[in-house]
Amino acid sequence: MDAHSRGRADEIDPADQWVLNPRTGNYELRLNHSGTESSSPSGTPNPSAGRSESRVAVPAQRSRRTTGGGGDRTPPAARRGGKPRTSRRKKVLLWTGGIMAFVVVAGSAGAYALYQKFNGNLATVDVGDAGSKSVAADGPLNILIIGTDKRTGEGNEGYGDKGSTGHADTNILFHVSADRTNATAMSIPRDLITNVPDCTTKQADGSEKDIPGSQNVRFNVSLGQEGRDPGCTMRTVKEITGLSVDHFMMVDFNAVKTLSTAVGGVKVCLDKAVKDPDSHLALPAGESTIQGEDALAFVRTRHSFGNQSDLDRIKVQQQFIGSMIRRMKSDDTLTDPGKLFKLADAATKALTVDSGIGSIKKLTSLAKELGSIDTENITFVTMPVKDNPAEPTPVTVVVDPQKSQQLFSMMRSDTSLTEVKKKEQAAKDKQEAVLQGSRAEAADIRVDVLNGGDITGAAAETVTWLQDEQGVTGATNKANAPAKIDRTTLAYAPEQADQARALADLMGLPATALKQGTAGSEGLQPMVLTLGADFEGAGVPVTGPAKAPEDIQRASADKAECAK
């Protein structure tokens, strides 16, 4: 299989064949195989045409649970022939500029023709062990969004490097909380000076190529340079942040143009009028609705805002993405089947993803994982950086060691940057409740310690510290874990809860690290502590900071701000 494969399917356009059935409040996709009209002008199915068409009902709104066994379950708005009402929280989260929009169509329609079409649009890359093979395992989820400077599509000749396979021009690490109530979207500057680790890439003929790492280079060369694929960028992100990336989604310049056009334009706001001769962006002060070439110019310009740096451009890109999210979650988009189809088609054509999510079925499953996140609980931040001290006149940046580590630690410990609503906080409160209760004496704690992190000898060091300094004589070194893990975990049986709480206190473990089993322990079977990549040393609390640095740049996806 080609590592960079793009499927093909027959070109069809069923968007105009979606009809609202007033009796059910559902949109029905009519694929008329005989070529004759199969519905009456009112949208009511013609019984005589039933054998010549395929019908797929598509709910016009989130379906509601019913408690009765009979009666008319049709939504009132649909029975009146009016526009079906949509809930504030839509079917799925349409985040990061539309790359998940297609699931509203493909996921709810279930039509084979649509499935084949959208599946054929997707391009995939096998990144090997740089990503996850499962769509979404238990726990937090990290997705790397990459916007490349590769030139594709008519009219894009003036952007990017001619002949380039594309560099990591725009990068957002999208961290989704374990309980799926909130997310942090952290932008990574392309001009960040960092080390790119060694990586292995899959070639077109199925062979593998080892690419040596590079030191003190721009982050954007983690993709494209020397044959590096998105898996190399994922590894670079992990080396910087300590966070393993589960999946990647990549788009190029043309995606901004096609997606913004598919939704009918994106609202942006400017503090002052802009006329940039380089990007050809010309917009008045105040609100404007942009699409196509103007949208691309808006996210690409770096001479129109702030101090004309890449960091100021990142702020503008975050504003654009937030506005795109709000636009796609609006009633005007979600209740318009034709617009939905065009958006889904444009999104899947624009996407390149890892093989772990490389099908419509897998992407639909991923979208369900993200469906409960409200836009007000999505926080955009920029990785804390400072001017490169090695340059007399800085044009690049380096990681701010103190502020960045505080933010990375929060993300590793799955601490939200938003004030999650009380009803959504219930799940977190339930988790925190495991730390409430009695504590065992240190001498009564029995635990096997395994090293699943990056520090050699961490298990032995921790056992020595527990025995000699904390009085946990029942700690045993079990050497390396079967596989590396990102976050430290403590597995225990229900009757060992008092031991688990006591060890959590000693180790500084957050409530999310405690994993209670359902079966009881046999005899004196010990608990199992597996040290993850978040473990920094014996006696160093694993719990991340409760708050992010006060002065880091941040914005919420549900609020419109004017670019300055």
Protein backbone atom coordinates (compact mmCIF):
# COMPACT_ATOMS: atom_id res chain seq x y z
CA MET A 1 0.00 0.00 0.00
CA ASP A 2 1.30 3.45 -0.89
CA ALA A 3 2.18 5.31 2.30
CA HIS A 4 0.71 8.47 0.78
CA SER A 5 -2.47 6.98 -0.71
CA ARG A 6 -5.55 8.78 -1.94
CA GLY A 7 -8.61 6.72 -2.82
CA ARG A 8 -10.83 7.31 -5.83
CA ALA A 9 -14.59 7.08 -6.28
CA ASP A 10 -17.13 7.95 -8.94
CA GLU A 11 -18.02 11.63 -8.92
CA ILE A 12 -21.61 12.19 -7.77
CA ASP A 13 -23.38 15.21 -6.38
CA PRO A 14 -26.38 14.15 -4.31
CA ALA A 15 -26.57 17.48 -2.51
CA ASP A 16 -29.55 18.62 -4.54
CA GLN A 17 -31.40 15.35 -3.89
CA TRP A 18 -31.90 15.93 -0.15
CA VAL A 19 -35.55 16.66 0.65
CA LEU A 20 -37.11 17.64 4.01
CA ASN A 21 -39.95 15.27 4.84
CA PRO A 22 -42.49 17.40 6.76
CA ARG A 23 -44.02 14.33 8.39
CA THR A 24 -40.80 13.27 10.12
CA GLY A 25 -38.68 16.41 10.28
CA ASN A 26 -35.87 14.46 8.61
CA TYR A 27 -33.93 15.18 5.45
CA GLU A 28 -34.12 12.23 3.02
CA LEU A 29 -31.46 11.57 0.44
CA ARG A 30 -33.19 10.36 -2.73
CA LEU A 31 -30.88 8.62 -5.18
CA ASN A 32 -33.13 8.08 -8.20
CA HIS A 33 -31.65 5.23 -10.20
CA SER A 34 -34.17 5.49 -13.03
CA GLY A 35 -33.57 9.20 -13.59
CA THR A 36 -37.20 10.15 -12.89
CA GLU A 37 -38.44 12.48 -10.15
CA SER A 38 -39.44 10.45 -7.13
CA SER A 39 -41.06 12.97 -4.84
CA SER A 40 -43.94 15.29 -5.09
CA PRO A 41 -43.49 19.09 -5.07
CA SER A 42 -44.30 19.14 -1.39
CA GLY A 43 -41.43 16.80 -0.61
CA THR A 44 -43.81 13.89 0.24
CA PRO A 45 -42.57 10.57 -1.15
CA ASN A 46 -44.42 9.18 -4.15
CA PRO A 47 -45.38 5.57 -3.30
CA SER A 48 -45.27 4.52 -6.93
CA ALA A 49 -41.62 5.52 -7.17
CA GLY A 50 -40.52 3.51 -4.15
CA ARG A 51 -38.92 0.74 -6.18
CA SER A 52 -36.76 3.06 -8.27
CA GLU A 53 -34.99 5.05 -5.58
CA SER A 54 -32.85 4.69 -2.46
CA ARG A 55 -33.82 6.72 0.58
CA VAL A 56 -31.71 7.56 3.58
CA ALA A 57 -33.25 9.55 6.41
CA VAL A 58 -31.00 12.22 7.85
CA PRO A 59 -32.13 13.79 11.13
CA ALA A 60 -32.51 17.54 10.85
CA GLN A 61 -31.67 17.91 14.53
CA ARG A 62 -30.24 15.92 17.43
CA SER A 63 -32.69 13.10 18.13
CA ARG A 64 -34.32 13.17 21.54
CA ARG A 65 -34.98 10.32 23.92
CA THR A 66 -38.67 9.52 24.37
CA THR A 67 -40.22 7.91 27.39
CA GLY A 68 -43.61 6.99 25.94
CA GLY A 69 -44.29 3.94 23.85
CA GLY A 70 -46.55 5.54 21.27
CA GLY A 71 -47.85 8.81 19.88
CA ASP A 72 -46.41 11.22 17.39
CA ARG A 73 -42.68 11.67 18.04
CA THR A 74 -42.20 14.15 15.23
CA PRO A 75 -40.64 17.41 16.47
CA PRO A 76 -43.27 20.19 16.69
CA ALA A 77 -41.42 22.46 14.27
CA ALA A 78 -41.37 19.72 11.67
CA ARG A 79 -45.10 18.96 12.12
CA ARG A 80 -45.86 22.62 11.46
CA GLY A 81 -43.71 22.55 8.33
CA GLY A 82 -41.31 25.05 9.92
CA LYS A 83 -37.58 24.92 10.24
CA PRO A 84 -36.51 22.17 12.70
CA ARG A 85 -34.99 23.58 15.87
CA THR A 86 -31.36 22.76 16.58
CA SER A 87 -29.76 22.45 19.98
CA ARG A 88 -26.96 24.73 21.17
CA ARG A 89 -24.60 21.79 21.23
CA LYS A 90 -24.67 20.31 17.75
CA LYS A 91 -24.30 16.77 16.48
CA VAL A 92 -20.51 16.86 16.43
CA LEU A 93 -17.80 19.35 17.16
CA LEU A 94 -16.73 21.03 13.94
CA TRP A 95 -13.37 22.33 14.97
CA THR A 96 -10.14 23.56 13.42
CA GLY A 97 -11.53 25.06 10.30
CA GLY A 98 -13.94 22.37 9.17
CA ILE A 99 -11.85 19.24 8.99
CA MET A 100 -14.52 17.22 10.80
CA ALA A 101 -17.52 18.76 9.09
CA PHE A 102 -18.16 15.85 6.78
CA VAL A 103 -19.34 13.61 9.63
CA VAL A 104 -22.55 15.59 9.91
CA VAL A 105 -23.36 14.33 6.44
CA ALA A 106 -21.63 10.98 6.18
CA GLY A 107 -22.11 9.95 9.79
CA SER A 108 -25.83 10.65 9.96
CA ALA A 109 -26.75 9.78 6.39
CA GLY A 110 -25.11 6.39 6.22
CA ALA A 111 -25.57 6.42 2.45
CA TYR A 112 -23.19 4.07 0.66
CA ALA A 113 -22.73 6.50 -2.21
CA LEU A 114 -21.73 9.29 0.17
CA TYR A 115 -19.50 6.96 2.15
CA GLN A 116 -17.65 5.92 -0.99
CA LYS A 117 -17.33 9.49 -2.22
CA PHE A 118 -16.00 10.96 1.03
CA ASN A 119 -13.80 7.93 1.70
CA GLY A 120 -12.29 8.37 -1.75
CA ASN A 121 -11.49 11.99 -0.98
CA LEU A 122 -9.22 11.18 1.97
CA ALA A 123 -5.43 10.95 1.68
CA THR A 124 -3.54 8.94 4.31
CA VAL A 125 0.03 8.59 5.59
CA ASP A 126 1.34 5.67 7.62
CA VAL A 127 3.34 7.27 10.45
CA GLY A 128 4.18 3.98 12.14
CA ASP A 129 4.59 4.14 15.91
CA ALA A 130 4.64 7.96 15.94
CA GLY A 131 0.85 7.85 16.35
CA SER A 132 -1.87 5.65 17.80
CA LYS A 133 -3.42 2.73 15.96
CA SER A 134 -6.71 3.16 17.81
CA VAL A 135 -9.07 6.03 17.03
CA ALA A 136 -9.42 7.20 20.63
CA ALA A 137 -8.27 5.21 23.63
CA ASP A 138 -9.34 6.02 27.19
CA GLY A 139 -7.82 9.18 28.53
CA PRO A 140 -6.85 12.49 26.91
CA LEU A 141 -6.52 12.77 23.14
CA ASN A 142 -3.87 14.77 21.28
CA ILE A 143 -4.32 15.67 17.61
CA LEU A 144 -1.76 17.68 15.65
CA ILE A 145 -3.29 20.01 13.07
CA ILE A 146 -0.78 20.93 10.35
CA GLY A 147 -1.25 23.61 7.72
CA THR A 148 1.44 23.33 5.06
CA ASP A 149 2.79 25.89 2.60
CA LYS A 150 2.50 23.43 -0.27
CA ARG A 151 1.05 24.95 -3.43
CA THR A 152 -2.04 23.19 -4.74
CA GLY A 153 -5.03 24.57 -6.55
CA GLU A 154 -5.41 27.33 -9.06
CA GLY A 155 -4.26 30.77 -7.98
CA ASN A 156 -1.86 29.60 -5.25
CA GLU A 157 1.34 30.21 -7.21
CA GLY A 158 2.16 33.29 -5.13
CA TYR A 159 2.24 31.45 -1.81
CA GLY A 160 4.86 29.19 -0.25
CA ASP A 161 8.09 27.79 -1.69
CA LYS A 162 7.92 26.84 -5.34
CA GLY A 163 8.38 23.10 -5.80
CA SER A 164 8.23 22.43 -2.05
CA THR A 165 6.52 19.30 -0.75
CA GLY A 166 5.26 21.53 2.03
CA HIS A 167 6.62 22.58 5.41
CA ALA A 168 4.84 22.74 8.78
CA ASP A 169 3.73 26.35 8.33
CA THR A 170 0.78 26.47 10.77
CA ASN A 171 0.69 24.02 13.68
CA ILE A 172 -1.88 23.48 16.41
CA LEU A 173 -1.71 20.75 19.05
CA PHE A 174 -5.36 20.03 19.91
CA HIS A 175 -5.51 18.49 23.39
CA VAL A 176 -8.90 17.00 24.31
CA SER A 177 -9.59 16.23 27.97
CA ALA A 178 -10.20 12.67 29.11
CA ASP A 179 -13.83 13.47 29.99
CA ARG A 180 -14.31 15.24 26.61
CA THR A 181 -15.68 18.43 28.22
CA ASN A 182 -12.91 20.82 27.17
CA ALA A 183 -9.97 21.26 24.84
CA THR A 184 -6.79 23.31 24.56
CA ALA A 185 -5.58 24.28 21.09
CA MET A 186 -1.91 25.26 21.40
CA SER A 187 -0.30 26.98 18.41
CA ILE A 188 3.36 26.17 17.79
CA PRO A 189 5.34 28.91 16.00
CA ARG A 190 6.89 27.76 12.74
CA ASP A 191 10.01 29.86 13.51
CA LEU A 192 10.63 28.07 16.82
CA ILE A 193 14.25 26.88 17.04
CA THR A 194 14.28 23.29 18.26
CA ASN A 195 15.74 19.84 17.72
CA VAL A 196 14.07 17.48 15.25
CA PRO A 197 14.59 13.86 16.39
CA ASP A 198 15.48 10.88 14.22
CA CYS A 199 12.44 9.44 12.49
CA THR A 200 11.50 6.55 10.22
CA THR A 201 9.22 7.16 7.23
CA LYS A 202 7.31 4.77 4.99
CA GLN A 203 8.18 5.04 1.30
CA ALA A 204 5.89 4.63 -1.72
CA ASP A 205 7.21 1.10 -2.37
CA GLY A 206 6.50 0.02 1.20
CA SER A 207 10.09 0.23 2.39
CA GLU A 208 11.26 2.30 5.33
CA LYS A 209 13.74 5.17 5.36
CA ASP A 210 15.59 6.35 8.45
CA ILE A 211 16.05 10.12 8.52
CA PRO A 212 18.63 11.47 10.97
CA GLY A 213 17.62 14.27 13.30
CA SER A 214 18.68 17.90 13.12
CA GLN A 215 19.70 20.26 15.91
CA ASN A 216 18.87 23.94 16.29
CA VAL A 217 16.60 24.24 13.27
CA ARG A 218 13.22 25.85 12.64
CA PHE A 219 10.23 23.77 13.69
CA ASN A 220 8.71 24.01 10.20
CA VAL A 221 11.45 21.81 8.68
CA SER A 222 10.18 18.87 10.75
CA LEU A 223 7.96 18.30 7.70
CA GLY A 224 9.06 18.12 4.07
CA GLN A 225 12.78 18.70 4.64
CA GLU A 226 14.92 15.66 3.73
CA GLY A 227 11.81 13.58 3.12
CA ARG A 228 10.28 14.01 6.56
CA ASP A 229 6.58 13.15 6.85
CA PRO A 230 3.98 14.25 9.45
CA GLY A 231 5.19 11.45 11.74
CA CYS A 232 8.47 13.35 12.11
CA THR A 233 6.52 16.47 13.11
CA MET A 234 4.56 14.42 15.66
CA ARG A 235 7.81 13.15 17.18
CA THR A 236 9.18 16.70 17.31
CA VAL A 237 6.10 17.88 19.21
CA LYS A 238 6.52 15.07 21.73
CA GLU A 239 10.18 15.93 22.26
CA ILE A 240 9.28 19.56 22.97
CA THR A 241 6.19 19.07 25.12
CA GLY A 242 6.37 15.56 26.57
CA LEU A 243 2.92 14.90 25.06
CA SER A 244 2.47 11.94 22.72
CA VAL A 245 0.47 12.84 19.63
CA ASP A 246 -2.24 10.31 18.78
CA HIS A 247 -3.16 11.54 15.30
CA PHE A 248 -2.47 14.24 12.75
CA MET A 249 -4.67 16.09 10.26
CA MET A 250 -3.02 18.10 7.51
CA VAL A 251 -4.28 20.63 4.99
CA ASP A 252 -2.60 23.02 2.55
CA PHE A 253 -3.25 26.57 1.32
CA ASN A 254 -6.13 25.58 -0.92
CA ALA A 255 -8.15 24.22 2.02
CA VAL A 256 -8.60 27.71 3.49
CA LYS A 257 -10.06 28.89 0.19
CA THR A 258 -12.39 25.93 -0.41
CA LEU A 259 -13.65 25.55 3.17
CA SER A 260 -14.34 29.25 3.69
CA THR A 261 -16.25 29.32 0.41
CA ALA A 262 -18.20 26.14 1.26
CA VAL A 263 -19.66 27.74 4.42
CA GLY A 264 -20.57 30.93 2.61
CA GLY A 265 -17.80 33.05 4.12
CA VAL A 266 -16.24 33.59 7.55
CA LYS A 267 -16.72 36.72 9.68
CA VAL A 268 -13.57 38.50 10.81
CA CYS A 269 -13.02 41.79 12.61
CA LEU A 270 -10.23 44.34 12.16
CA ASP A 271 -9.29 47.10 14.58
CA LYS A 272 -8.08 49.20 11.63
CA ALA A 273 -8.31 49.04 7.84
CA VAL A 274 -5.72 46.86 6.08
CA LYS A 275 -4.21 47.12 2.61
CA ASP A 276 -1.26 44.76 2.25
CA PRO A 277 0.52 44.81 -1.16
CA ASP A 278 2.28 41.53 -0.43
CA SER A 279 -0.73 39.35 0.38
CA HIS A 280 -3.16 41.62 -1.54
CA LEU A 281 -5.41 41.74 1.52
CA ALA A 282 -7.63 44.83 1.49
CA LEU A 283 -10.28 45.04 4.22
CA PRO A 284 -11.99 47.95 6.03
CA ALA A 285 -12.01 48.42 9.79
CA GLY A 286 -14.76 46.52 11.60
CA GLU A 287 -16.48 43.31 10.55
CA SER A 288 -16.09 41.70 7.13
CA THR A 289 -17.13 38.33 5.72
CA ILE A 290 -14.33 36.76 3.72
CA GLN A 291 -13.90 33.63 1.65
CA GLY A 292 -11.69 32.15 -1.02
CA GLU A 293 -8.64 34.23 -1.94
CA ASP A 294 -9.40 36.89 0.70
CA ALA A 295 -9.59 34.23 3.43
CA LEU A 296 -6.22 32.82 2.43
CA ALA A 297 -4.66 36.27 2.33
CA PHE A 298 -6.09 36.99 5.81
CA VAL A 299 -4.45 33.96 7.45
CA ARG A 300 -1.19 34.35 5.49
CA THR A 301 -0.41 38.04 5.91
CA ARG A 302 2.30 38.93 8.41
CA HIS A 303 2.65 42.63 7.57
CA SER A 304 -0.79 43.85 8.61
CA PHE A 305 -1.08 43.19 12.33
CA GLY A 306 0.87 43.79 15.54
CA ASN A 307 4.63 43.90 15.06
CA GLN A 308 4.41 41.93 11.79
CA SER A 309 5.78 38.74 13.37
CA ASP A 310 4.71 35.12 13.04
CA LEU A 311 3.35 35.31 16.59
CA ASP A 312 0.92 38.05 15.58
CA ARG A 313 -0.11 36.05 12.54
CA ILE A 314 -0.87 33.13 14.86
CA LYS A 315 -3.35 35.33 16.77
CA VAL A 316 -5.10 36.19 13.49
CA GLN A 317 -5.22 32.53 12.47
CA GLN A 318 -6.75 31.60 15.83
CA GLN A 319 -9.40 34.28 15.33
CA PHE A 320 -10.19 32.91 11.87
CA ILE A 321 -10.44 29.31 13.08
CA GLY A 322 -12.68 30.29 16.00
CA SER A 323 -14.97 32.18 13.63
CA MET A 324 -15.01 29.21 11.25
CA ILE A 325 -16.07 26.94 14.11
CA ARG A 326 -18.92 29.28 15.07
CA ARG A 327 -20.00 29.55 11.44
CA MET A 328 -20.16 25.81 10.95
CA LYS A 329 -22.02 25.27 14.19
CA SER A 330 -24.62 27.85 13.23
CA ASP A 331 -28.16 26.91 12.29
CA ASP A 332 -27.60 28.36 8.81
CA THR A 333 -25.03 25.64 8.12
CA LEU A 334 -26.33 22.63 10.03
CA THR A 335 -29.88 22.88 8.64
CA ASP A 336 -28.81 23.41 5.02
CA PRO A 337 -28.18 19.96 3.45
CA GLY A 338 -26.71 21.40 0.27
CA LYS A 339 -24.22 23.53 2.21
CA LEU A 340 -23.40 20.61 4.48
CA PHE A 341 -22.63 18.38 1.52
CA LYS A 342 -20.39 20.97 -0.11
CA LEU A 343 -18.59 21.57 3.19
CA ALA A 344 -18.12 17.84 3.82
CA ASP A 345 -16.89 17.30 0.29
CA ALA A 346 -14.43 20.22 0.50
CA ALA A 347 -13.20 19.13 3.95
CA THR A 348 -12.46 15.53 3.00
CA LYS A 349 -10.78 16.58 -0.25
CA ALA A 350 -8.54 18.92 1.74
CA LEU A 351 -7.57 16.35 4.39
CA THR A 352 -4.51 14.17 4.75
CA VAL A 353 -4.62 12.05 7.93
CA ASP A 354 -2.70 9.22 9.56
CA SER A 355 -3.81 5.67 8.82
CA GLY A 356 -5.12 5.32 12.38
CA ILE A 357 -8.05 7.56 11.40
CA GLY A 358 -7.78 7.07 7.64
CA SER A 359 -11.39 6.26 6.77
CA ILE A 360 -14.80 7.88 7.09
CA LYS A 361 -15.82 5.23 9.62
CA LYS A 362 -12.81 6.01 11.83
CA LEU A 363 -13.19 9.77 11.49
CA THR A 364 -16.88 9.50 12.36
CA SER A 365 -15.92 7.55 15.48
CA LEU A 366 -13.41 10.27 16.35
CA ALA A 367 -16.03 12.96 15.85
CA LYS A 368 -18.32 11.24 18.33
CA GLU A 369 -15.52 11.45 20.89
CA LEU A 370 -15.42 15.21 20.37
CA GLY A 371 -19.14 15.84 20.11
CA SER A 372 -19.75 17.03 23.67
CA ILE A 373 -17.27 19.91 23.70
CA ASP A 374 -18.88 23.32 23.66
CA THR A 375 -17.03 26.13 21.87
CA GLU A 376 -16.79 28.14 25.09
CA ASN A 377 -14.67 25.33 26.52
CA ILE A 378 -12.13 25.44 23.68
CA THR A 379 -9.17 27.66 24.56
CA PHE A 380 -6.61 28.81 22.00
CA VAL A 381 -3.13 29.46 23.39
CA THR A 382 0.29 30.03 21.86
CA MET A 383 3.29 28.09 23.10
CA PRO A 384 5.22 30.43 25.43
CA VAL A 385 8.39 31.54 23.62
CA LYS A 386 10.97 34.32 23.75
CA ASP A 387 13.34 35.92 21.25
CA ASN A 388 16.27 33.74 20.26
CA PRO A 389 19.21 35.04 22.36
CA ALA A 390 21.69 33.65 19.82
CA GLU A 391 20.63 36.21 17.21
CA PRO A 392 21.74 39.87 17.40
CA THR A 393 18.50 40.87 15.65
CA PRO A 394 16.07 38.05 16.52
CA VAL A 395 14.02 36.61 13.70
CA THR A 396 13.36 33.28 15.39
CA VAL A 397 12.17 32.26 18.85
CA VAL A 398 13.00 29.63 21.47
CA VAL A 399 10.86 27.96 24.10
CA ASP A 400 10.38 29.98 27.28
CA PRO A 401 11.61 27.31 29.74
CA GLN A 402 9.58 28.37 32.78
CA LYS A 403 6.25 29.38 31.25
CA SER A 404 6.21 26.63 28.64
CA GLN A 405 6.92 23.86 31.14
CA GLN A 406 4.07 25.12 33.31
CA LEU A 407 1.69 24.95 30.34
CA PHE A 408 3.01 21.59 29.13
CA SER A 409 2.66 20.17 32.64
CA MET A 410 -0.97 21.32 32.78
CA MET A 411 -1.70 19.62 29.48
CA ARG A 412 0.10 16.43 30.50
CA SER A 413 -1.91 16.29 33.73
CA ASP A 414 -5.09 17.09 31.76
CA THR A 415 -5.83 20.33 33.62
CA SER A 416 -8.34 22.53 31.79
CA LEU A 417 -7.58 26.13 30.83
CA THR A 418 -11.29 26.93 30.87
CA GLU A 419 -13.90 27.18 33.59
CA VAL A 420 -15.99 24.19 32.61
CA LYS A 421 -19.70 24.52 33.36
CA LYS A 422 -20.98 22.95 36.55
CA LYS A 423 -22.94 20.22 34.80
CA GLU A 424 -19.84 19.29 32.83
CA GLN A 425 -17.70 19.56 35.96
CA ALA A 426 -19.67 16.73 37.56
CA ALA A 427 -17.51 14.11 35.87
CA LYS A 428 -14.35 15.75 37.21
CA ASP A 429 -15.87 16.02 40.69
CA LYS A 430 -16.69 12.31 40.59
CA GLN A 431 -13.10 11.53 39.68
CA GLU A 432 -11.75 13.76 42.45
CA ALA A 433 -13.96 11.90 44.91
CA VAL A 434 -11.62 8.88 44.72
CA LEU A 435 -9.14 10.87 46.79
CA GLN A 436 -11.71 11.35 49.56
CA GLY A 437 -11.59 8.78 52.34
CA SER A 438 -9.31 6.98 54.75
CA ARG A 439 -5.57 6.51 54.22
CA ALA A 440 -3.55 3.40 54.96
CA GLU A 441 -0.34 3.57 56.96
CA ALA A 442 2.83 3.68 54.84
CA ALA A 443 3.92 0.29 56.20
CA ASP A 444 0.67 -1.25 54.95
CA ILE A 445 1.09 -0.08 51.34
CA ARG A 446 1.99 -2.83 48.88
CA VAL A 447 2.90 -1.71 45.37
CA ASP A 448 4.82 -2.97 42.35
CA VAL A 449 6.60 -0.15 40.49
CA LEU A 450 7.20 -0.28 36.72
CA ASN A 451 9.00 2.21 34.50
CA GLY A 452 6.96 3.27 31.47
CA GLY A 453 8.64 6.65 31.11
CA ASP A 454 11.82 8.03 29.61
CA ILE A 455 14.09 8.16 32.70
CA THR A 456 16.41 5.16 32.93
CA GLY A 457 16.21 3.46 36.32
CA ALA A 458 13.12 5.43 37.41
CA ALA A 459 11.42 2.39 38.96
CA ALA A 460 14.46 1.47 41.07
CA GLU A 461 14.95 5.10 42.15
CA THR A 462 11.30 5.41 43.16
CA VAL A 463 11.29 2.15 45.14
CA THR A 464 14.42 3.22 47.04
CA TRP A 465 12.83 6.59 47.82
CA LEU A 466 9.56 4.99 48.95
CA GLN A 467 11.32 2.45 51.18
CA ASP A 468 14.06 4.61 52.69
CA GLU A 469 12.35 8.00 52.98
CA GLN A 470 8.61 7.28 53.09
CA GLY A 471 8.47 3.99 55.01
CA VAL A 472 6.73 2.05 52.21
CA THR A 473 8.57 -1.21 52.79
CA GLY A 474 6.10 -3.08 50.57
CA ALA A 475 7.33 -1.37 47.38
CA THR A 476 8.93 -3.66 44.79
CA ASN A 477 10.90 -2.81 41.65
CA LYS A 478 9.43 -4.57 38.61
CA ALA A 479 11.77 -2.86 36.10
CA ASN A 480 10.42 -1.72 32.73
CA ALA A 481 6.74 -1.73 31.74
CA PRO A 482 5.71 -3.63 28.58
CA ALA A 483 5.26 -0.30 26.75
CA LYS A 484 5.92 3.36 27.36
CA ILE A 485 3.04 5.55 28.53
CA ASP A 486 2.52 9.31 28.72
CA ARG A 487 0.90 9.57 32.12
CA THR A 488 1.66 7.81 35.39
CA THR A 489 -1.09 5.41 36.55
CA LEU A 490 -1.87 3.54 39.75
CA ALA A 491 -4.03 0.43 39.34
CA TYR A 492 -5.66 -0.99 42.44
CA ALA A 493 -8.53 -3.18 43.63
CA PRO A 494 -11.58 -1.71 45.41
CA GLU A 495 -10.44 -2.87 48.86
CA GLN A 496 -7.04 -1.20 48.27
CA ALA A 497 -8.53 2.28 47.95
CA ASP A 498 -7.04 3.42 51.27
CA GLN A 499 -3.58 2.31 50.10
CA ALA A 500 -4.08 4.09 46.75
CA ARG A 501 -5.02 7.37 48.44
CA ALA A 502 -2.00 7.18 50.74
CA LEU A 503 0.39 6.48 47.85
CA ALA A 504 -1.21 9.27 45.80
CA ASP A 505 -0.44 11.67 48.65
CA LEU A 506 3.18 10.55 48.79
CA MET A 507 3.73 10.62 45.03
CA GLY A 508 1.69 13.75 44.30
CA LEU A 509 -0.61 11.83 41.94
CA PRO A 510 -3.71 13.52 40.51
CA ALA A 511 -7.09 11.80 40.82
CA THR A 512 -6.98 10.95 37.11
CA ALA A 513 -3.95 8.72 37.70
CA LEU A 514 -5.91 6.36 39.96
CA LYS A 515 -7.47 3.44 38.08
CA GLN A 516 -9.72 1.30 40.26
CA GLY A 517 -10.42 -2.19 38.99
CA THR A 518 -13.65 -4.12 39.44
CA ALA A 519 -12.22 -7.37 40.76
CA GLY A 520 -10.86 -7.80 44.25
CA SER A 521 -7.17 -8.46 44.93
CA GLU A 522 -6.17 -12.01 45.64
CA GLY A 523 -4.47 -12.38 48.98
CA LEU A 524 -1.66 -9.88 49.33
CA GLN A 525 -1.47 -8.99 45.61
CA PRO A 526 0.04 -5.49 45.41
CA MET A 527 -1.14 -2.42 43.52
CA VAL A 528 0.65 -1.53 40.26
CA LEU A 529 2.28 1.88 39.83
CA THR A 530 3.44 2.54 36.26
CA LEU A 531 5.60 5.62 35.87
CA GLY A 532 4.90 7.59 32.67
CA ALA A 533 6.59 10.32 30.66
CA ASP A 534 5.17 12.86 33.13
CA PHE A 535 7.34 11.40 35.92
CA GLU A 536 10.29 13.72 36.58
CA GLY A 537 11.94 12.02 39.53
CA ALA A 538 11.36 10.46 42.94
CA GLY A 539 9.83 13.00 45.29
CA VAL A 540 8.71 15.33 42.47
CA PRO A 541 4.89 15.61 42.43
CA VAL A 542 3.31 14.31 39.23
CA THR A 543 0.33 16.64 39.59
CA GLY A 544 0.48 19.55 37.15
CA PRO A 545 -0.01 23.17 38.18
CA ALA A 546 -3.57 24.27 38.81
CA LYS A 547 -3.28 27.40 36.65
CA ALA A 548 -1.52 28.39 33.45
CA PRO A 549 0.91 31.34 33.41
CA GLU A 550 -1.10 34.55 33.72
CA ASP A 551 0.46 36.39 30.79
CA ILE A 552 0.37 33.75 28.05
CA GLN A 553 -1.60 34.62 24.92
CA ARG A 554 -5.00 32.92 24.91
CA ALA A 555 -8.44 33.23 23.32
CA SER A 556 -11.76 31.38 23.48
CA ALA A 557 -13.37 29.79 20.42
CA ASP A 558 -16.79 31.22 21.30
CA LYS A 559 -15.71 34.89 21.37
CA ALA A 560 -15.07 37.17 18.42
CA GLU A 561 -12.10 39.53 18.75
CA CYS A 562 -10.81 42.22 16.40
CA ALA A 563 -7.32 41.79 14.97
CA LYS A 564 -5.03 44.69 15.83
